N, C-alpha and C. Protein backbone atom coordinates (compact mmCIF):
# COMPACT_ATOMS: atom_id res chain seq x y z
N MET A 1 -123.35 122.53 84.45
CA MET A 1 -122.41 121.58 85.20
C MET A 1 -121.29 120.64 84.13
N GLN A 2 -121.99 120.42 83.45
CA GLN A 2 -121.06 119.59 82.34
C GLN A 2 -120.31 119.91 81.68
N ARG A 3 -120.47 121.20 81.56
CA ARG A 3 -119.46 122.42 80.71
C ARG A 3 -118.40 122.61 81.68
N ILE A 4 -118.59 122.90 82.78
CA ILE A 4 -117.55 123.13 83.75
C ILE A 4 -116.80 122.08 83.97
N LEU A 5 -117.30 120.67 84.08
CA LEU A 5 -116.51 119.23 84.22
C LEU A 5 -115.56 119.21 83.17
N ILE A 6 -116.13 119.52 81.77
CA ILE A 6 -115.12 119.45 80.71
C ILE A 6 -114.26 120.38 80.74
N ALA A 7 -114.38 121.83 80.90
CA ALA A 7 -113.66 122.42 81.18
C ALA A 7 -112.27 122.45 82.16
N LEU A 8 -112.56 121.97 83.21
CA LEU A 8 -111.96 121.52 84.21
C LEU A 8 -110.75 120.12 83.97
N LEU A 9 -111.53 119.45 82.97
CA LEU A 9 -110.48 118.56 82.41
C LEU A 9 -109.81 118.65 81.36
N VAL A 10 -109.90 119.93 80.58
CA VAL A 10 -109.27 120.09 79.33
C VAL A 10 -108.13 121.05 80.11
N LEU A 11 -108.45 121.91 81.16
CA LEU A 11 -107.67 122.53 81.76
C LEU A 11 -106.41 121.68 82.47
N LEU A 12 -106.96 120.70 83.30
CA LEU A 12 -106.10 119.90 83.83
C LEU A 12 -105.09 118.96 82.91
N ALA A 13 -105.78 118.36 81.79
CA ALA A 13 -104.81 118.02 80.71
C ALA A 13 -104.01 118.78 79.98
N THR A 14 -104.54 120.13 79.76
CA THR A 14 -103.44 121.08 79.21
C THR A 14 -102.08 121.28 80.05
N ALA A 15 -102.66 121.56 81.58
CA ALA A 15 -101.40 121.71 82.62
C ALA A 15 -100.35 120.82 82.86
N ARG A 16 -100.94 119.50 82.76
CA ARG A 16 -99.92 118.35 82.63
C ARG A 16 -99.28 118.39 81.45
N LEU A 17 -99.77 118.71 80.28
CA LEU A 17 -98.97 118.60 79.11
C LEU A 17 -98.11 119.37 79.33
N VAL A 18 -98.38 120.85 79.95
CA VAL A 18 -96.93 121.82 79.93
C VAL A 18 -96.07 121.40 80.89
N ALA A 19 -96.69 120.72 82.29
CA ALA A 19 -95.44 120.24 82.87
C ALA A 19 -94.52 119.23 82.49
N ALA A 20 -95.03 118.44 81.81
CA ALA A 20 -94.45 117.17 81.03
C ALA A 20 -93.49 118.17 79.96
N GLN A 21 -93.72 118.97 79.58
CA GLN A 21 -92.86 119.46 78.35
C GLN A 21 -91.91 120.45 79.36
N ASP A 22 -92.12 120.79 80.19
CA ASP A 22 -90.92 121.82 81.05
C ASP A 22 -89.94 120.93 81.84
N ALA A 23 -90.57 119.42 82.11
CA ALA A 23 -89.61 118.45 82.73
C ALA A 23 -88.53 118.06 81.89
N SER A 24 -89.24 117.79 80.55
CA SER A 24 -88.50 117.27 79.46
C SER A 24 -87.29 118.13 78.86
N ASN A 25 -87.63 119.53 79.03
CA ASN A 25 -86.84 120.85 78.34
C ASN A 25 -85.63 121.31 79.50
N ARG A 26 -85.82 120.60 80.49
CA ARG A 26 -84.65 121.12 81.83
C ARG A 26 -83.28 120.46 81.12
N ILE A 27 -82.26 121.41 81.19
CA ILE A 27 -81.02 120.95 80.85
C ILE A 27 -80.66 120.38 81.92
N PRO A 28 -79.72 119.00 81.96
CA PRO A 28 -79.07 118.33 82.93
C PRO A 28 -78.25 119.15 83.47
N LEU A 29 -78.07 119.13 84.78
CA LEU A 29 -77.30 119.95 85.56
C LEU A 29 -75.94 118.83 86.25
N ILE A 30 -74.99 119.99 86.03
CA ILE A 30 -73.67 118.90 86.91
C ILE A 30 -72.87 119.81 87.80
N GLY A 31 -73.27 119.24 88.82
CA GLY A 31 -72.67 120.19 90.07
C GLY A 31 -70.89 120.03 90.26
N TRP A 32 -70.28 121.04 90.58
CA TRP A 32 -68.93 121.02 90.68
C TRP A 32 -68.75 121.76 92.23
N LEU A 33 -68.35 120.91 93.21
CA LEU A 33 -68.00 121.12 94.37
C LEU A 33 -66.66 121.11 94.78
N SER A 34 -66.41 122.30 95.24
CA SER A 34 -64.64 122.31 95.71
C SER A 34 -64.37 123.05 96.89
N PRO A 35 -63.69 122.83 97.62
CA PRO A 35 -62.95 123.97 98.73
C PRO A 35 -62.48 125.06 98.12
N ALA A 36 -61.88 124.91 96.97
CA ALA A 36 -61.03 125.98 96.41
C ALA A 36 -61.53 127.26 96.46
N THR A 37 -60.51 128.29 96.19
CA THR A 37 -60.94 129.91 95.95
C THR A 37 -61.35 130.00 94.45
N LEU A 38 -61.69 131.22 94.27
CA LEU A 38 -61.97 131.72 92.72
C LEU A 38 -60.86 132.03 92.40
N GLN A 39 -59.59 132.66 93.51
CA GLN A 39 -58.44 132.90 92.84
C GLN A 39 -57.47 131.79 92.22
N SER A 40 -57.44 130.55 93.02
CA SER A 40 -57.01 129.33 92.70
C SER A 40 -57.20 128.91 91.38
N TYR A 41 -58.85 129.20 90.96
CA TYR A 41 -58.94 128.43 89.73
C TYR A 41 -58.89 129.38 88.49
N SER A 42 -58.58 130.57 88.94
CA SER A 42 -58.06 131.81 87.80
C SER A 42 -56.56 131.54 87.42
N GLN A 43 -55.88 130.72 88.26
CA GLN A 43 -54.12 130.75 87.57
C GLN A 43 -54.24 129.54 87.00
N PRO A 44 -53.77 129.86 85.58
CA PRO A 44 -53.35 128.60 84.73
C PRO A 44 -52.46 127.96 85.05
N GLY A 45 -52.46 126.58 84.58
CA GLY A 45 -51.42 125.66 85.05
C GLY A 45 -51.92 124.18 84.64
N ALA A 46 -50.98 123.36 84.34
CA ALA A 46 -51.40 121.99 83.80
C ALA A 46 -52.12 121.33 85.23
N GLY A 47 -51.67 121.47 86.17
CA GLY A 47 -52.13 120.91 87.25
C GLY A 47 -53.68 121.46 87.98
N ASN A 48 -53.99 122.40 87.22
CA ASN A 48 -55.00 122.91 87.85
C ASN A 48 -56.09 122.54 87.06
N PRO A 49 -57.24 121.64 87.77
CA PRO A 49 -58.29 121.42 87.46
C PRO A 49 -59.61 121.94 87.23
N GLY A 50 -59.16 123.15 86.52
CA GLY A 50 -60.37 124.17 86.39
C GLY A 50 -61.39 123.54 85.56
N PRO A 51 -62.45 124.69 85.40
CA PRO A 51 -63.88 124.30 85.10
C PRO A 51 -63.42 124.22 83.11
N GLN A 52 -62.59 125.01 82.74
CA GLN A 52 -62.50 124.91 81.47
C GLN A 52 -62.02 123.67 80.99
N LEU A 53 -61.13 123.18 81.72
CA LEU A 53 -60.95 121.37 81.11
C LEU A 53 -61.91 120.69 81.20
N LEU A 54 -63.03 120.84 82.34
CA LEU A 54 -63.81 119.83 82.06
C LEU A 54 -65.10 120.40 80.94
N ARG A 55 -65.23 121.63 80.87
CA ARG A 55 -65.85 122.56 79.79
C ARG A 55 -65.42 121.61 78.33
N ASP A 56 -63.97 121.67 78.36
CA ASP A 56 -63.68 121.16 77.00
C ASP A 56 -63.51 119.83 76.41
N SER A 57 -63.48 119.08 77.64
CA SER A 57 -63.66 117.57 78.09
C SER A 57 -65.35 116.99 77.50
N LEU A 58 -65.89 117.84 78.17
CA LEU A 58 -67.40 117.41 77.71
C LEU A 58 -67.94 117.85 76.36
N ALA A 59 -67.35 118.85 75.74
CA ALA A 59 -67.51 119.59 74.40
C ALA A 59 -66.94 118.41 73.44
N ARG A 60 -66.09 117.99 73.93
CA ARG A 60 -65.26 116.96 72.81
C ARG A 60 -66.29 115.60 72.53
N HIS A 61 -67.36 115.42 73.40
CA HIS A 61 -68.37 114.49 73.27
C HIS A 61 -70.04 115.06 73.36
N GLY A 62 -69.99 116.25 72.45
CA GLY A 62 -71.17 116.66 72.23
C GLY A 62 -71.84 117.62 73.34
N LEU A 63 -71.17 117.86 74.73
CA LEU A 63 -72.09 118.22 75.92
C LEU A 63 -71.30 119.45 75.84
N ILE A 64 -72.42 120.79 75.76
CA ILE A 64 -71.84 121.97 75.61
C ILE A 64 -72.61 123.05 76.99
N ASP A 65 -71.57 123.09 77.52
CA ASP A 65 -72.34 123.97 79.16
C ASP A 65 -73.25 125.26 78.10
N GLY A 66 -74.44 125.17 79.02
CA GLY A 66 -75.37 126.69 78.28
C GLY A 66 -76.27 125.92 77.32
N LYS A 67 -75.93 124.66 76.48
CA LYS A 67 -76.76 124.40 75.55
C LYS A 67 -77.23 123.34 75.88
N ASN A 68 -76.74 121.95 76.07
CA ASN A 68 -77.13 120.83 76.63
C ASN A 68 -77.24 120.51 77.89
N ILE A 69 -76.04 121.14 78.46
CA ILE A 69 -75.87 120.65 80.01
C ILE A 69 -75.60 121.97 80.86
N ARG A 70 -75.59 122.23 82.00
CA ARG A 70 -75.54 123.23 82.51
C ARG A 70 -74.44 123.05 83.67
N LEU A 71 -73.26 123.36 83.79
CA LEU A 71 -72.22 123.49 85.02
C LEU A 71 -72.42 124.48 86.02
N ASP A 72 -73.02 123.90 87.37
CA ASP A 72 -72.73 124.67 88.36
C ASP A 72 -71.77 124.76 89.28
N ILE A 73 -70.87 125.59 89.37
CA ILE A 73 -69.76 125.64 90.24
C ILE A 73 -70.16 126.29 91.42
N ARG A 74 -69.78 125.40 92.57
CA ARG A 74 -69.51 126.07 93.85
C ARG A 74 -68.51 125.57 94.57
N LEU A 75 -67.66 126.86 94.75
CA LEU A 75 -66.46 126.88 95.57
C LEU A 75 -66.62 127.56 96.87
N ALA A 76 -66.10 126.88 97.72
CA ALA A 76 -66.08 127.10 99.24
C ALA A 76 -65.04 128.35 99.57
N GLU A 77 -64.17 128.74 98.67
CA GLU A 77 -63.42 129.84 99.26
C GLU A 77 -62.77 129.57 100.10
N GLY A 78 -62.19 128.33 100.42
CA GLY A 78 -61.10 127.79 101.69
C GLY A 78 -61.86 127.40 102.73
N LYS A 79 -63.25 127.66 102.99
CA LYS A 79 -64.03 127.43 104.14
C LYS A 79 -64.56 126.22 104.33
N LEU A 80 -64.21 124.97 104.58
CA LEU A 80 -64.61 124.01 104.35
C LEU A 80 -66.08 123.70 105.23
N ASP A 81 -66.35 124.54 106.31
CA ASP A 81 -67.68 124.22 106.81
C ASP A 81 -68.87 124.86 106.07
N ARG A 82 -68.76 125.31 104.93
CA ARG A 82 -69.37 125.64 103.90
C ARG A 82 -69.69 124.85 102.90
N LEU A 83 -69.31 123.80 102.74
CA LEU A 83 -69.39 122.67 101.90
C LEU A 83 -70.43 122.07 101.94
N PRO A 84 -71.00 121.61 102.95
CA PRO A 84 -72.53 121.05 103.20
C PRO A 84 -73.59 121.99 102.83
N GLU A 85 -73.41 122.95 103.11
CA GLU A 85 -74.41 124.15 102.30
C GLU A 85 -74.63 124.20 101.01
N LEU A 86 -73.33 124.46 100.44
CA LEU A 86 -73.18 124.31 98.87
C LEU A 86 -73.45 122.96 98.23
N ALA A 87 -73.25 121.93 98.90
CA ALA A 87 -73.70 120.75 98.29
C ALA A 87 -75.39 120.64 98.44
N ARG A 88 -75.98 121.12 99.51
CA ARG A 88 -77.17 121.06 99.47
C ARG A 88 -77.96 122.06 98.43
N ALA A 89 -77.32 123.25 98.19
CA ALA A 89 -77.62 124.14 97.16
C ALA A 89 -77.67 123.26 95.45
N VAL A 90 -76.49 122.85 95.52
CA VAL A 90 -76.41 122.11 93.89
C VAL A 90 -77.58 120.84 94.05
N VAL A 91 -77.52 119.88 95.06
CA VAL A 91 -78.99 118.88 95.05
C VAL A 91 -80.18 119.63 94.57
N SER A 92 -80.47 120.79 95.46
CA SER A 92 -81.57 121.63 95.43
C SER A 92 -82.29 121.95 93.96
N GLU A 93 -80.85 122.35 92.99
CA GLU A 93 -81.02 122.99 91.91
C GLU A 93 -81.17 121.55 90.99
N GLY A 94 -81.03 120.27 91.51
CA GLY A 94 -81.28 119.14 90.39
C GLY A 94 -80.23 118.53 89.97
N ALA A 95 -79.18 118.51 90.12
CA ALA A 95 -77.77 118.29 89.73
C ALA A 95 -78.03 116.46 89.56
N ILE A 96 -77.97 116.37 88.38
CA ILE A 96 -77.78 114.89 88.27
C ILE A 96 -76.48 114.13 88.67
N VAL A 97 -75.41 114.79 88.72
CA VAL A 97 -74.17 114.49 88.99
C VAL A 97 -73.62 115.65 89.79
N ILE A 98 -72.52 115.21 90.69
CA ILE A 98 -71.95 116.30 91.53
C ILE A 98 -70.30 115.72 91.59
N LEU A 99 -69.55 116.76 91.07
CA LEU A 99 -68.03 116.34 91.01
C LEU A 99 -67.54 117.03 92.30
N ALA A 100 -67.23 116.00 93.43
CA ALA A 100 -66.50 116.77 94.60
C ALA A 100 -65.41 116.52 94.56
N PHE A 101 -64.36 117.81 95.03
CA PHE A 101 -63.07 117.62 94.78
C PHE A 101 -62.63 117.64 96.40
N GLY A 102 -61.65 116.31 96.75
CA GLY A 102 -61.29 116.49 98.41
C GLY A 102 -62.21 115.70 99.03
N GLU A 103 -61.87 115.06 100.18
CA GLU A 103 -62.56 114.29 101.06
C GLU A 103 -63.64 115.16 101.61
N ALA A 104 -63.29 116.35 102.19
CA ALA A 104 -64.38 116.97 102.66
C ALA A 104 -65.52 117.27 101.82
N ALA A 105 -65.21 117.82 100.40
CA ALA A 105 -66.37 117.83 99.56
C ALA A 105 -67.01 116.60 99.44
N GLY A 106 -66.35 115.72 99.35
CA GLY A 106 -66.98 114.16 98.77
C GLY A 106 -68.12 113.92 100.13
N ARG A 107 -67.55 114.01 101.36
CA ARG A 107 -68.51 113.65 102.22
C ARG A 107 -70.14 114.50 102.30
N ALA A 108 -69.42 116.17 102.06
CA ALA A 108 -70.72 116.97 101.74
C ALA A 108 -71.42 116.50 100.80
N ALA A 109 -70.99 116.09 99.84
CA ALA A 109 -71.88 115.90 98.46
C ALA A 109 -72.51 114.35 98.91
N GLU A 110 -71.98 113.56 99.84
CA GLU A 110 -72.98 112.27 99.98
C GLU A 110 -74.21 112.56 100.51
């Protein structure tokens, strides 16, 4: 009985250690929520707040998408009623920050 108890304690301690390592190894997630379409984000232009501009800006501060942060882009494809669903998805993925573009996206992110 004592051996079983000791084995259980070792197993629980190991499981907690693995869980703590998994939590510390997670890459922080930045959510990007927009009513825009993929086509509009594909068009180059100085006024286009595309994801590449954000990636470049973050990289200047040592934050590299896919390395030490992750950028999760959710576009509503012009359908504003999809924004709450997309916001819930970003939150459920564990976003630490949500960049919401436009009033409808901001309300959904709230």
